[in-house]
Amino acid sequence: RCQLFRCPLPSLERSELRARGRLWNGTFLEEFLDVENLELIVRAEVSVTSPRGNVVIKDAVAQMSVSLHLDPGVAVTAVPWWVLPLAALLGLALLALLVLGLWK
């Protein structure tokens, strides 16, 4: 999914801008489980809104490609539905035993 962000630049004295981003492994394992290779196109654009209109930016658009190769050895398995109720019941039973033991 695309994410748009804006940041104010108090001064434009530096001749380069840098942006960093992170790609979370879990996101790709959840969203693209059946895909082995994925190519992302990252596009950045710089625009300035100036009341004077005298600011000119050269090369205001940058684009790059990021290739992802998912490891087929990484197994993503969902928790079976019966594990959660069983864990809740065992937790309640343990709590009841603890309460009973401390009450006695």
Protein backbone atom coordinates (compact mmCIF):
# COMPACT_ATOMS: atom_id res chain seq x y z
CA ARG A 1 0.00 0.00 0.00
CA CYS A 2 1.25 3.46 -0.79
CA GLN A 3 2.00 5.82 2.03
CA LEU A 4 2.13 9.58 1.52
CA PHE A 5 4.04 11.71 3.98
CA ARG A 6 4.95 15.37 4.09
CA CYS A 7 7.68 17.07 6.04
CA PRO A 8 8.50 20.76 6.43
CA LEU A 9 11.94 21.90 5.36
CA PRO A 10 13.00 24.98 7.34
CA SER A 11 15.93 25.72 5.05
CA LEU A 12 17.10 24.46 1.68
CA GLU A 13 20.81 25.07 2.18
CA ARG A 14 21.79 21.43 1.67
CA SER A 15 21.92 20.13 -1.86
CA GLU A 16 20.53 16.68 -1.11
CA LEU A 17 17.56 15.21 0.67
CA ARG A 18 17.47 11.72 2.12
CA ALA A 19 14.51 9.58 3.05
CA ARG A 20 14.60 6.22 4.79
CA GLY A 21 11.97 3.55 4.92
CA ARG A 22 11.54 0.11 6.40
CA LEU A 23 9.99 -2.94 4.88
CA TRP A 24 8.54 -5.20 7.54
CA ASN A 25 9.00 -8.90 6.88
CA GLY A 26 5.71 -9.78 8.55
CA THR A 27 3.78 -7.53 6.19
CA PHE A 28 5.02 -9.38 3.15
CA LEU A 29 4.49 -12.78 4.73
CA GLU A 30 0.89 -11.89 5.55
CA GLU A 31 -0.09 -10.03 2.39
CA PHE A 32 1.91 -11.92 -0.23
CA LEU A 33 2.04 -15.48 1.09
CA ASP A 34 1.80 -17.15 -2.32
CA VAL A 35 4.41 -14.93 -4.00
CA GLU A 36 8.08 -15.89 -4.18
CA ASN A 37 9.43 -12.78 -5.91
CA LEU A 38 8.12 -9.26 -5.56
CA GLU A 39 9.25 -6.01 -7.13
CA LEU A 40 8.39 -2.71 -5.51
CA ILE A 41 8.57 0.63 -7.26
CA VAL A 42 9.51 3.38 -4.83
CA ARG A 43 8.78 6.87 -6.07
CA ALA A 44 9.60 10.13 -4.32
CA GLU A 45 8.68 13.62 -5.38
CA VAL A 46 9.73 16.92 -3.86
CA SER A 47 7.55 19.96 -4.27
CA VAL A 48 7.79 23.37 -2.67
CA THR A 49 4.93 25.72 -2.05
CA SER A 50 6.44 29.16 -1.81
CA PRO A 51 4.46 32.39 -1.65
CA ARG A 52 7.11 34.09 -3.81
CA GLY A 53 7.28 31.35 -6.42
CA ASN A 54 11.01 31.81 -6.95
CA VAL A 55 12.14 28.35 -5.83
CA VAL A 56 13.13 25.97 -8.63
CA ILE A 57 13.97 22.34 -7.90
CA LYS A 58 15.91 20.26 -10.41
CA ASP A 59 15.32 16.50 -10.47
CA ALA A 60 12.28 16.73 -8.23
CA VAL A 61 11.19 13.14 -8.93
CA ALA A 62 13.19 10.02 -8.07
CA GLN A 63 12.19 6.44 -8.68
CA MET A 64 13.86 3.17 -7.82
CA SER A 65 13.04 -0.50 -7.91
CA VAL A 66 13.37 -2.86 -4.94
CA SER A 67 13.35 -6.61 -5.58
CA LEU A 68 12.27 -8.97 -2.81
CA HIS A 69 12.92 -12.67 -2.89
CA LEU A 70 10.96 -14.49 -0.21
CA ASP A 71 12.58 -17.51 1.37
CA PRO A 72 10.45 -20.60 0.72
CA GLY A 73 12.01 -22.25 3.78
CA VAL A 74 10.23 -19.83 6.10
CA ALA A 75 7.00 -21.51 7.05
CA VAL A 76 4.11 -19.32 8.07
CA THR A 77 1.51 -21.34 9.85
CA ALA A 78 -1.64 -20.10 11.47
CA VAL A 79 -2.59 -21.18 14.96
CA PRO A 80 -5.41 -23.76 14.84
CA TRP A 81 -8.72 -22.43 16.15
CA TRP A 82 -8.95 -24.94 18.98
CA VAL A 83 -5.64 -23.88 20.57
CA LEU A 84 -6.95 -20.52 21.80
CA PRO A 85 -10.04 -21.84 23.67
CA LEU A 86 -7.98 -24.71 25.10
CA ALA A 87 -5.33 -22.29 26.35
CA ALA A 88 -8.01 -20.09 27.92
CA LEU A 89 -9.60 -23.07 29.69
CA LEU A 90 -6.26 -24.33 30.96
CA GLY A 91 -5.42 -20.85 32.21
CA LEU A 92 -8.72 -20.63 34.08
CA ALA A 93 -8.20 -24.11 35.56
CA LEU A 94 -4.72 -23.14 36.73
CA LEU A 95 -6.10 -19.93 38.23
CA ALA A 96 -8.84 -21.91 40.03
CA LEU A 97 -6.25 -24.33 41.44
CA LEU A 98 -4.08 -21.43 42.56
CA VAL A 99 -7.03 -19.69 44.26
CA LEU A 100 -8.11 -22.96 45.90
CA GLY A 101 -4.60 -23.68 47.11
CA LEU A 102 -4.12 -20.21 48.59
CA TRP A 103 -7.60 -20.26 50.16
CA LYS A 104 -6.86 -23.50 52.00
